[in-house]
mmCIF file of all heavy atoms, coordinates in Angstrom:
data_MODEL
# 
_entry.id   MODEL 
# 
loop_
_atom_site.group_PDB 
_atom_site.id 
_atom_site.type_symbol 
_atom_site.label_atom_id 
_atom_site.label_alt_id 
_atom_site.label_comp_id 
_atom_site.label_asym_id 
_atom_site.label_entity_id 
_atom_site.label_seq_id 
_atom_site.pdbx_PDB_ins_code 
_atom_site.Cartn_x 
_atom_site.Cartn_y 
_atom_site.Cartn_z 
_atom_site.occupancy 
_atom_site.B_iso_or_equiv 
_atom_site.pdbx_formal_charge 
_atom_site.auth_seq_id 
_atom_site.auth_comp_id 
_atom_site.auth_asym_id 
_atom_site.auth_atom_id 
_atom_site.pdbx_PDB_model_num 
ATOM 1   N N   . LYS A 1 1  ? 42.748 158.722 79.653 1.00 0.00 ? 1  LYS A N   1 
ATOM 2   C CA  . LYS A 1 1  ? 43.589 159.160 80.721 1.00 0.00 ? 1  LYS A CA  1 
ATOM 3   C C   . LYS A 1 1  ? 42.751 160.078 81.764 1.00 0.00 ? 1  LYS A C   1 
ATOM 4   O O   . LYS A 1 1  ? 43.070 159.914 82.896 1.00 0.00 ? 1  LYS A O   1 
ATOM 5   C CB  . LYS A 1 1  ? 44.553 160.208 80.024 1.00 0.00 ? 1  LYS A CB  1 
ATOM 6   C CG  . LYS A 1 1  ? 45.762 159.562 79.349 1.00 0.00 ? 1  LYS A CG  1 
ATOM 7   C CD  . LYS A 1 1  ? 46.698 160.487 78.626 1.00 0.00 ? 1  LYS A CD  1 
ATOM 8   C CE  . LYS A 1 1  ? 47.742 159.773 77.816 1.00 0.00 ? 1  LYS A CE  1 
ATOM 9   N NZ  . LYS A 1 1  ? 48.739 160.795 77.342 1.00 0.00 ? 1  LYS A NZ  1 
ATOM 10  N N   . ARG A 1 2  ? 41.783 160.759 81.260 1.00 0.00 ? 2  ARG A N   1 
ATOM 11  C CA  . ARG A 1 2  ? 40.986 161.535 82.207 1.00 0.00 ? 2  ARG A CA  1 
ATOM 12  C C   . ARG A 1 2  ? 40.255 160.668 83.263 1.00 0.00 ? 2  ARG A C   1 
ATOM 13  O O   . ARG A 1 2  ? 40.237 160.738 84.427 1.00 0.00 ? 2  ARG A O   1 
ATOM 14  C CB  . ARG A 1 2  ? 39.926 162.363 81.469 1.00 0.00 ? 2  ARG A CB  1 
ATOM 15  C CG  . ARG A 1 2  ? 39.022 163.252 82.318 1.00 0.00 ? 2  ARG A CG  1 
ATOM 16  C CD  . ARG A 1 2  ? 38.105 163.986 81.535 1.00 0.00 ? 2  ARG A CD  1 
ATOM 17  N NE  . ARG A 1 2  ? 37.143 163.138 80.764 1.00 0.00 ? 2  ARG A NE  1 
ATOM 18  C CZ  . ARG A 1 2  ? 36.123 162.460 81.222 1.00 0.00 ? 2  ARG A CZ  1 
ATOM 19  N NH1 . ARG A 1 2  ? 35.851 162.634 82.534 1.00 0.00 ? 2  ARG A NH1 1 
ATOM 20  N NH2 . ARG A 1 2  ? 35.463 161.779 80.531 1.00 0.00 ? 2  ARG A NH2 1 
ATOM 21  N N   . VAL A 1 3  ? 39.746 159.527 82.658 1.00 0.00 ? 3  VAL A N   1 
ATOM 22  C CA  . VAL A 1 3  ? 38.976 158.496 83.463 1.00 0.00 ? 3  VAL A CA  1 
ATOM 23  C C   . VAL A 1 3  ? 39.934 157.841 84.526 1.00 0.00 ? 3  VAL A C   1 
ATOM 24  O O   . VAL A 1 3  ? 39.667 157.813 85.717 1.00 0.00 ? 3  VAL A O   1 
ATOM 25  C CB  . VAL A 1 3  ? 38.274 157.537 82.743 1.00 0.00 ? 3  VAL A CB  1 
ATOM 26  C CG1 . VAL A 1 3  ? 37.629 156.414 83.531 1.00 0.00 ? 3  VAL A CG1 1 
ATOM 27  C CG2 . VAL A 1 3  ? 37.135 158.167 81.807 1.00 0.00 ? 3  VAL A CG2 1 
ATOM 28  N N   . PHE A 1 4  ? 41.030 157.311 83.972 1.00 0.00 ? 4  PHE A N   1 
ATOM 29  C CA  . PHE A 1 4  ? 41.912 156.614 84.858 1.00 0.00 ? 4  PHE A CA  1 
ATOM 30  C C   . PHE A 1 4  ? 42.646 157.530 85.897 1.00 0.00 ? 4  PHE A C   1 
ATOM 31  O O   . PHE A 1 4  ? 43.010 157.109 86.985 1.00 0.00 ? 4  PHE A O   1 
ATOM 32  C CB  . PHE A 1 4  ? 43.014 155.962 84.077 1.00 0.00 ? 4  PHE A CB  1 
ATOM 33  C CG  . PHE A 1 4  ? 42.535 154.677 83.334 1.00 0.00 ? 4  PHE A CG  1 
ATOM 34  C CD1 . PHE A 1 4  ? 42.693 154.542 81.923 1.00 0.00 ? 4  PHE A CD1 1 
ATOM 35  C CD2 . PHE A 1 4  ? 41.753 153.672 84.004 1.00 0.00 ? 4  PHE A CD2 1 
ATOM 36  C CE1 . PHE A 1 4  ? 42.157 153.390 81.285 1.00 0.00 ? 4  PHE A CE1 1 
ATOM 37  C CE2 . PHE A 1 4  ? 41.295 152.515 83.394 1.00 0.00 ? 4  PHE A CE2 1 
ATOM 38  C CZ  . PHE A 1 4  ? 41.502 152.405 81.958 1.00 0.00 ? 4  PHE A CZ  1 
ATOM 39  N N   . SER A 1 5  ? 42.887 158.815 85.535 1.00 0.00 ? 5  SER A N   1 
ATOM 40  C CA  . SER A 1 5  ? 43.468 159.708 86.437 1.00 0.00 ? 5  SER A CA  1 
ATOM 41  C C   . SER A 1 5  ? 42.464 160.087 87.558 1.00 0.00 ? 5  SER A C   1 
ATOM 42  O O   . SER A 1 5  ? 42.907 160.149 88.704 1.00 0.00 ? 5  SER A O   1 
ATOM 43  C CB  . SER A 1 5  ? 43.741 161.099 85.725 1.00 0.00 ? 5  SER A CB  1 
ATOM 44  O OG  . SER A 1 5  ? 44.770 160.885 84.737 1.00 0.00 ? 5  SER A OG  1 
ATOM 45  N N   . ALA A 1 6  ? 41.170 160.146 87.238 1.00 0.00 ? 6  ALA A N   1 
ATOM 46  C CA  . ALA A 1 6  ? 40.141 160.256 88.300 1.00 0.00 ? 6  ALA A CA  1 
ATOM 47  C C   . ALA A 1 6  ? 40.156 159.170 89.300 1.00 0.00 ? 6  ALA A C   1 
ATOM 48  O O   . ALA A 1 6  ? 40.030 159.332 90.541 1.00 0.00 ? 6  ALA A O   1 
ATOM 49  C CB  . ALA A 1 6  ? 38.789 160.536 87.689 1.00 0.00 ? 6  ALA A CB  1 
ATOM 50  N N   . LEU A 1 7  ? 40.266 157.963 88.745 1.00 0.00 ? 7  LEU A N   1 
ATOM 51  C CA  . LEU A 1 7  ? 40.326 156.807 89.629 1.00 0.00 ? 7  LEU A CA  1 
ATOM 52  C C   . LEU A 1 7  ? 41.605 156.759 90.522 1.00 0.00 ? 7  LEU A C   1 
ATOM 53  O O   . LEU A 1 7  ? 41.554 156.428 91.626 1.00 0.00 ? 7  LEU A O   1 
ATOM 54  C CB  . LEU A 1 7  ? 40.250 155.479 88.800 1.00 0.00 ? 7  LEU A CB  1 
ATOM 55  C CG  . LEU A 1 7  ? 38.944 155.106 88.036 1.00 0.00 ? 7  LEU A CG  1 
ATOM 56  C CD1 . LEU A 1 7  ? 39.170 153.926 87.031 1.00 0.00 ? 7  LEU A CD1 1 
ATOM 57  C CD2 . LEU A 1 7  ? 37.938 154.798 89.144 1.00 0.00 ? 7  LEU A CD2 1 
ATOM 58  N N   . ALA A 1 8  ? 42.690 157.205 89.891 1.00 0.00 ? 8  ALA A N   1 
ATOM 59  C CA  . ALA A 1 8  ? 43.917 157.192 90.639 1.00 0.00 ? 8  ALA A CA  1 
ATOM 60  C C   . ALA A 1 8  ? 43.817 158.246 91.740 1.00 0.00 ? 8  ALA A C   1 
ATOM 61  O O   . ALA A 1 8  ? 44.388 158.062 92.904 1.00 0.00 ? 8  ALA A O   1 
ATOM 62  C CB  . ALA A 1 8  ? 45.170 157.411 89.665 1.00 0.00 ? 8  ALA A CB  1 
ATOM 63  N N   . ALA A 1 9  ? 43.183 159.385 91.449 1.00 0.00 ? 9  ALA A N   1 
ATOM 64  C CA  . ALA A 1 9  ? 43.069 160.415 92.489 1.00 0.00 ? 9  ALA A CA  1 
ATOM 65  C C   . ALA A 1 9  ? 42.364 160.037 93.651 1.00 0.00 ? 9  ALA A C   1 
ATOM 66  O O   . ALA A 1 9  ? 42.614 160.526 94.812 1.00 0.00 ? 9  ALA A O   1 
ATOM 67  C CB  . ALA A 1 9  ? 42.396 161.664 91.774 1.00 0.00 ? 9  ALA A CB  1 
ATOM 68  N N   . ILE A 1 10 ? 41.473 159.038 93.560 1.00 0.00 ? 10 ILE A N   1 
ATOM 69  C CA  . ILE A 1 10 ? 40.744 158.531 94.879 1.00 0.00 ? 10 ILE A CA  1 
ATOM 70  C C   . ILE A 1 10 ? 41.346 157.280 95.365 1.00 0.00 ? 10 ILE A C   1 
ATOM 71  O O   . ILE A 1 10 ? 40.747 156.676 96.193 1.00 0.00 ? 10 ILE A O   1 
ATOM 72  C CB  . ILE A 1 10 ? 39.282 158.397 94.385 1.00 0.00 ? 10 ILE A CB  1 
ATOM 73  C CG1 . ILE A 1 10 ? 39.029 157.340 93.367 1.00 0.00 ? 10 ILE A CG1 1 
ATOM 74  C CG2 . ILE A 1 10 ? 38.645 159.795 94.091 1.00 0.00 ? 10 ILE A CG2 1 
ATOM 75  C CD1 . ILE A 1 10 ? 37.517 156.970 93.087 1.00 0.00 ? 10 ILE A CD1 1 
ATOM 76  N N   . GLY A 1 11 ? 42.433 156.915 94.913 1.00 0.00 ? 11 GLY A N   1 
ATOM 77  C CA  . GLY A 1 11 ? 43.240 155.724 95.454 1.00 0.00 ? 11 GLY A CA  1 
ATOM 78  C C   . GLY A 1 11 ? 42.744 154.438 94.933 1.00 0.00 ? 11 GLY A C   1 
ATOM 79  O O   . GLY A 1 11 ? 43.209 153.399 95.398 1.00 0.00 ? 11 GLY A O   1 
ATOM 80  N N   . ASN A 1 12 ? 42.010 154.451 93.787 1.00 0.00 ? 12 ASN A N   1 
ATOM 81  C CA  . ASN A 1 12 ? 41.562 153.116 93.249 1.00 0.00 ? 12 ASN A CA  1 
ATOM 82  C C   . ASN A 1 12 ? 42.687 152.606 92.367 1.00 0.00 ? 12 ASN A C   1 
ATOM 83  O O   . ASN A 1 12 ? 43.247 153.198 91.546 1.00 0.00 ? 12 ASN A O   1 
ATOM 84  C CB  . ASN A 1 12 ? 40.351 153.344 92.317 1.00 0.00 ? 12 ASN A CB  1 
ATOM 85  C CG  . ASN A 1 12 ? 39.721 151.996 91.845 1.00 0.00 ? 12 ASN A CG  1 
ATOM 86  O OD1 . ASN A 1 12 ? 40.313 151.277 91.102 1.00 0.00 ? 12 ASN A OD1 1 
ATOM 87  N ND2 . ASN A 1 12 ? 38.488 151.783 92.343 1.00 0.00 ? 12 ASN A ND2 1 
ATOM 88  N N   . PRO A 1 13 ? 43.116 151.383 92.647 1.00 0.00 ? 13 PRO A N   1 
ATOM 89  C CA  . PRO A 1 13 ? 44.291 150.713 91.922 1.00 0.00 ? 13 PRO A CA  1 
ATOM 90  C C   . PRO A 1 13 ? 44.069 150.606 90.509 1.00 0.00 ? 13 PRO A C   1 
ATOM 91  O O   . PRO A 1 13 ? 44.994 150.523 89.659 1.00 0.00 ? 13 PRO A O   1 
ATOM 92  C CB  . PRO A 1 13 ? 44.461 149.413 92.627 1.00 0.00 ? 13 PRO A CB  1 
ATOM 93  C CG  . PRO A 1 13 ? 43.093 149.056 93.103 1.00 0.00 ? 13 PRO A CG  1 
ATOM 94  C CD  . PRO A 1 13 ? 42.500 150.383 93.584 1.00 0.00 ? 13 PRO A CD  1 
ATOM 95  N N   . GLU A 1 14 ? 42.799 150.612 90.026 1.00 0.00 ? 14 GLU A N   1 
ATOM 96  C CA  . GLU A 1 14 ? 42.674 150.532 88.550 1.00 0.00 ? 14 GLU A CA  1 
ATOM 97  C C   . GLU A 1 14 ? 43.157 151.707 87.751 1.00 0.00 ? 14 GLU A C   1 
ATOM 98  O O   . GLU A 1 14 ? 43.453 151.709 86.606 1.00 0.00 ? 14 GLU A O   1 
ATOM 99  C CB  . GLU A 1 14 ? 41.147 150.273 88.218 1.00 0.00 ? 14 GLU A CB  1 
ATOM 100 C CG  . GLU A 1 14 ? 40.603 149.019 88.703 1.00 0.00 ? 14 GLU A CG  1 
ATOM 101 C CD  . GLU A 1 14 ? 41.358 147.805 88.105 1.00 0.00 ? 14 GLU A CD  1 
ATOM 102 O OE1 . GLU A 1 14 ? 41.655 147.969 86.862 1.00 0.00 ? 14 GLU A OE1 1 
ATOM 103 O OE2 . GLU A 1 14 ? 41.412 146.711 88.674 1.00 0.00 ? 14 GLU A OE2 1 
ATOM 104 N N   . GLY A 1 15 ? 43.177 152.944 88.513 1.00 0.00 ? 15 GLY A N   1 
ATOM 105 C CA  . GLY A 1 15 ? 43.654 154.175 87.882 1.00 0.00 ? 15 GLY A CA  1 
ATOM 106 C C   . GLY A 1 15 ? 45.118 153.951 87.399 1.00 0.00 ? 15 GLY A C   1 
ATOM 107 O O   . GLY A 1 15 ? 45.374 154.159 86.250 1.00 0.00 ? 15 GLY A O   1 
ATOM 108 N N   . PRO A 1 16 ? 45.961 153.736 88.342 1.00 0.00 ? 16 PRO A N   1 
ATOM 109 C CA  . PRO A 1 16 ? 47.463 153.565 88.029 1.00 0.00 ? 16 PRO A CA  1 
ATOM 110 C C   . PRO A 1 16 ? 47.668 152.474 86.929 1.00 0.00 ? 16 PRO A C   1 
ATOM 111 O O   . PRO A 1 16 ? 48.433 152.613 86.022 1.00 0.00 ? 16 PRO A O   1 
ATOM 112 C CB  . PRO A 1 16 ? 48.244 153.273 89.265 1.00 0.00 ? 16 PRO A CB  1 
ATOM 113 C CG  . PRO A 1 16 ? 47.257 153.849 90.319 1.00 0.00 ? 16 PRO A CG  1 
ATOM 114 C CD  . PRO A 1 16 ? 45.901 153.630 89.845 1.00 0.00 ? 16 PRO A CD  1 
ATOM 115 N N   . ARG A 1 17 ? 46.843 151.325 87.042 1.00 0.00 ? 17 ARG A N   1 
ATOM 116 C CA  . ARG A 1 17 ? 46.999 150.272 86.089 1.00 0.00 ? 17 ARG A CA  1 
ATOM 117 C C   . ARG A 1 17 ? 46.694 150.763 84.622 1.00 0.00 ? 17 ARG A C   1 
ATOM 118 O O   . ARG A 1 17 ? 47.287 150.528 83.703 1.00 0.00 ? 17 ARG A O   1 
ATOM 119 C CB  . ARG A 1 17 ? 46.159 149.123 86.452 1.00 0.00 ? 17 ARG A CB  1 
ATOM 120 C CG  . ARG A 1 17 ? 46.681 148.358 87.726 1.00 0.00 ? 17 ARG A CG  1 
ATOM 121 C CD  . ARG A 1 17 ? 45.607 147.252 88.034 1.00 0.00 ? 17 ARG A CD  1 
ATOM 122 N NE  . ARG A 1 17 ? 45.979 146.676 89.296 1.00 0.00 ? 17 ARG A NE  1 
ATOM 123 C CZ  . ARG A 1 17 ? 45.173 145.899 89.993 1.00 0.00 ? 17 ARG A CZ  1 
ATOM 124 N NH1 . ARG A 1 17 ? 43.946 145.623 89.557 1.00 0.00 ? 17 ARG A NH1 1 
ATOM 125 N NH2 . ARG A 1 17 ? 45.550 145.256 91.072 1.00 0.00 ? 17 ARG A NH2 1 
ATOM 126 N N   . GLY A 1 18 ? 45.517 151.547 84.585 1.00 0.00 ? 18 GLY A N   1 
ATOM 127 C CA  . GLY A 1 18 ? 45.082 151.993 83.379 1.00 0.00 ? 18 GLY A CA  1 
ATOM 128 C C   . GLY A 1 18 ? 45.984 153.021 82.751 1.00 0.00 ? 18 GLY A C   1 
ATOM 129 O O   . GLY A 1 18 ? 46.450 152.914 81.471 1.00 0.00 ? 18 GLY A O   1 
ATOM 130 N N   . LEU A 1 19 ? 46.570 153.908 83.542 1.00 0.00 ? 19 LEU A N   1 
ATOM 131 C CA  . LEU A 1 19 ? 47.611 154.916 83.088 1.00 0.00 ? 19 LEU A CA  1 
ATOM 132 C C   . LEU A 1 19 ? 48.881 154.280 82.570 1.00 0.00 ? 19 LEU A C   1 
ATOM 133 O O   . LEU A 1 19 ? 49.371 154.590 81.623 1.00 0.00 ? 19 LEU A O   1 
ATOM 134 C CB  . LEU A 1 19 ? 47.908 155.894 84.163 1.00 0.00 ? 19 LEU A CB  1 
ATOM 135 C CG  . LEU A 1 19 ? 46.714 156.822 84.567 1.00 0.00 ? 19 LEU A CG  1 
ATOM 136 C CD1 . LEU A 1 19 ? 47.038 157.580 85.838 1.00 0.00 ? 19 LEU A CD1 1 
ATOM 137 C CD2 . LEU A 1 19 ? 46.404 157.741 83.394 1.00 0.00 ? 19 LEU A CD2 1 
ATOM 138 N N   . ASN A 1 20 ? 49.325 153.214 83.416 1.00 0.00 ? 20 ASN A N   1 
ATOM 139 C CA  . ASN A 1 20 ? 50.515 152.397 82.937 1.00 0.00 ? 20 ASN A CA  1 
ATOM 140 C C   . ASN A 1 20 ? 50.291 151.681 81.602 1.00 0.00 ? 20 ASN A C   1 
ATOM 141 O O   . ASN A 1 20 ? 51.171 151.678 80.810 1.00 0.00 ? 20 ASN A O   1 
ATOM 142 C CB  . ASN A 1 20 ? 50.909 151.528 83.970 1.00 0.00 ? 20 ASN A CB  1 
ATOM 143 C CG  . ASN A 1 20 ? 51.514 152.147 85.234 1.00 0.00 ? 20 ASN A CG  1 
ATOM 144 O OD1 . ASN A 1 20 ? 51.965 153.298 85.103 1.00 0.00 ? 20 ASN A OD1 1 
ATOM 145 N ND2 . ASN A 1 20 ? 51.449 151.458 86.362 1.00 0.00 ? 20 ASN A ND2 1 
ATOM 146 N N   . MET A 1 21 ? 49.018 151.151 81.436 1.00 0.00 ? 21 MET A N   1 
ATOM 147 C CA  . MET A 1 21 ? 48.690 150.365 80.223 1.00 0.00 ? 21 MET A CA  1 
ATOM 148 C C   . MET A 1 21 ? 48.754 151.399 79.056 1.00 0.00 ? 21 MET A C   1 
ATOM 149 O O   . MET A 1 21 ? 49.329 151.046 77.998 1.00 0.00 ? 21 MET A O   1 
ATOM 150 C CB  . MET A 1 21 ? 47.263 149.838 80.397 1.00 0.00 ? 21 MET A CB  1 
ATOM 151 C CG  . MET A 1 21 ? 46.931 149.192 79.035 1.00 0.00 ? 21 MET A CG  1 
ATOM 152 S SD  . MET A 1 21 ? 45.108 148.588 79.161 1.00 0.00 ? 21 MET A SD  1 
ATOM 153 C CE  . MET A 1 21 ? 44.369 150.169 79.275 1.00 0.00 ? 21 MET A CE  1 
ATOM 154 N N   . ILE A 1 22 ? 48.199 152.622 79.272 1.00 0.00 ? 22 ILE A N   1 
ATOM 155 C CA  . ILE A 1 22 ? 48.204 153.585 78.138 1.00 0.00 ? 22 ILE A CA  1 
ATOM 156 C C   . ILE A 1 22 ? 49.674 153.983 77.735 1.00 0.00 ? 22 ILE A C   1 
ATOM 157 O O   . ILE A 1 22 ? 50.099 154.100 76.562 1.00 0.00 ? 22 ILE A O   1 
ATOM 158 C CB  . ILE A 1 22 ? 47.406 154.928 78.454 1.00 0.00 ? 22 ILE A CB  1 
ATOM 159 C CG1 . ILE A 1 22 ? 45.931 154.388 78.643 1.00 0.00 ? 22 ILE A CG1 1 
ATOM 160 C CG2 . ILE A 1 22 ? 47.517 155.945 77.434 1.00 0.00 ? 22 ILE A CG2 1 
ATOM 161 C CD1 . ILE A 1 22 ? 45.111 155.526 79.233 1.00 0.00 ? 22 ILE A CD1 1 
ATOM 162 N N   . ARG A 1 23 ? 50.496 154.157 78.825 1.00 0.00 ? 23 ARG A N   1 
ATOM 163 C CA  . ARG A 1 23 ? 51.906 154.644 78.638 1.00 0.00 ? 23 ARG A CA  1 
ATOM 164 C C   . ARG A 1 23 ? 52.641 153.463 77.856 1.00 0.00 ? 23 ARG A C   1 
ATOM 165 O O   . ARG A 1 23 ? 53.413 153.686 77.013 1.00 0.00 ? 23 ARG A O   1 
ATOM 166 C CB  . ARG A 1 23 ? 52.487 154.885 79.913 1.00 0.00 ? 23 ARG A CB  1 
ATOM 167 C CG  . ARG A 1 23 ? 53.978 155.451 79.768 1.00 0.00 ? 23 ARG A CG  1 
ATOM 168 C CD  . ARG A 1 23 ? 54.567 156.011 81.057 1.00 0.00 ? 23 ARG A CD  1 
ATOM 169 N NE  . ARG A 1 23 ? 54.477 155.002 82.173 1.00 0.00 ? 23 ARG A NE  1 
ATOM 170 C CZ  . ARG A 1 23 ? 53.586 155.141 83.159 1.00 0.00 ? 23 ARG A CZ  1 
ATOM 171 N NH1 . ARG A 1 23 ? 52.776 156.122 83.105 1.00 0.00 ? 23 ARG A NH1 1 
ATOM 172 N NH2 . ARG A 1 23 ? 53.507 154.148 84.049 1.00 0.00 ? 23 ARG A NH2 1 
ATOM 173 N N   . ASP A 1 24 ? 52.427 152.206 78.333 1.00 0.00 ? 24 ASP A N   1 
ATOM 174 C CA  . ASP A 1 24 ? 53.113 151.133 77.726 1.00 0.00 ? 24 ASP A CA  1 
ATOM 175 C C   . ASP A 1 24 ? 52.753 150.888 76.206 1.00 0.00 ? 24 ASP A C   1 
ATOM 176 O O   . ASP A 1 24 ? 53.583 150.523 75.408 1.00 0.00 ? 24 ASP A O   1 
ATOM 177 C CB  . ASP A 1 24 ? 52.992 149.794 78.548 1.00 0.00 ? 24 ASP A CB  1 
ATOM 178 C CG  . ASP A 1 24 ? 53.496 149.887 79.940 1.00 0.00 ? 24 ASP A CG  1 
ATOM 179 O OD1 . ASP A 1 24 ? 54.420 150.758 80.093 1.00 0.00 ? 24 ASP A OD1 1 
ATOM 180 O OD2 . ASP A 1 24 ? 53.099 149.077 80.704 1.00 0.00 ? 24 ASP A OD2 1 
ATOM 181 N N   . GLN A 1 25 ? 51.491 151.047 76.031 1.00 0.00 ? 25 GLN A N   1 
ATOM 182 C CA  . GLN A 1 25 ? 50.940 150.792 74.603 1.00 0.00 ? 25 GLN A CA  1 
ATOM 183 C C   . GLN A 1 25 ? 51.121 151.990 73.699 1.00 0.00 ? 25 GLN A C   1 
ATOM 184 O O   . GLN A 1 25 ? 51.331 151.720 72.414 1.00 0.00 ? 25 GLN A O   1 
ATOM 185 C CB  . GLN A 1 25 ? 49.550 150.362 74.690 1.00 0.00 ? 25 GLN A CB  1 
ATOM 186 C CG  . GLN A 1 25 ? 49.320 148.989 75.333 1.00 0.00 ? 25 GLN A CG  1 
ATOM 187 C CD  . GLN A 1 25 ? 47.905 148.583 75.384 1.00 0.00 ? 25 GLN A CD  1 
ATOM 188 O OE1 . GLN A 1 25 ? 47.087 149.164 74.818 1.00 0.00 ? 25 GLN A OE1 1 
ATOM 189 N NE2 . GLN A 1 25 ? 47.566 147.442 76.230 1.00 0.00 ? 25 GLN A NE2 1 
ATOM 190 N N   . HIS A 1 26 ? 51.054 153.228 74.257 1.00 0.00 ? 26 HIS A N   1 
ATOM 191 C CA  . HIS A 1 26 ? 50.989 154.306 73.226 1.00 0.00 ? 26 HIS A CA  1 
ATOM 192 C C   . HIS A 1 26 ? 51.976 155.354 73.601 1.00 0.00 ? 26 HIS A C   1 
ATOM 193 O O   . HIS A 1 26 ? 52.078 156.432 72.942 1.00 0.00 ? 26 HIS A O   1 
ATOM 194 C CB  . HIS A 1 26 ? 49.651 154.967 73.409 1.00 0.00 ? 26 HIS A CB  1 
ATOM 195 C CG  . HIS A 1 26 ? 48.486 154.035 72.989 1.00 0.00 ? 26 HIS A CG  1 
ATOM 196 N ND1 . HIS A 1 26 ? 48.154 153.720 71.664 1.00 0.00 ? 26 HIS A ND1 1 
ATOM 197 C CD2 . HIS A 1 26 ? 47.602 153.216 73.731 1.00 0.00 ? 26 HIS A CD2 1 
ATOM 198 C CE1 . HIS A 1 26 ? 47.196 152.746 71.773 1.00 0.00 ? 26 HIS A CE1 1 
ATOM 199 N NE2 . HIS A 1 26 ? 46.853 152.504 72.968 1.00 0.00 ? 26 HIS A NE2 1 
ATOM 200 N N   . GLY A 1 27 ? 52.794 155.174 74.565 1.00 0.00 ? 27 GLY A N   1 
ATOM 201 C CA  . GLY A 1 27 ? 53.895 156.093 74.931 1.00 0.00 ? 27 GLY A CA  1 
ATOM 202 C C   . GLY A 1 27 ? 53.384 157.401 75.585 1.00 0.00 ? 27 GLY A C   1 
ATOM 203 O O   . GLY A 1 27 ? 52.320 157.586 75.931 1.00 0.00 ? 27 GLY A O   1 
# 
């Protein structure tokens, strides 16, 4: 989450995708 949040903070689309993936798979 820390890594994907950092990516999302700078506008990289991989950040939100990673966070969504974690939420979908692990709640």
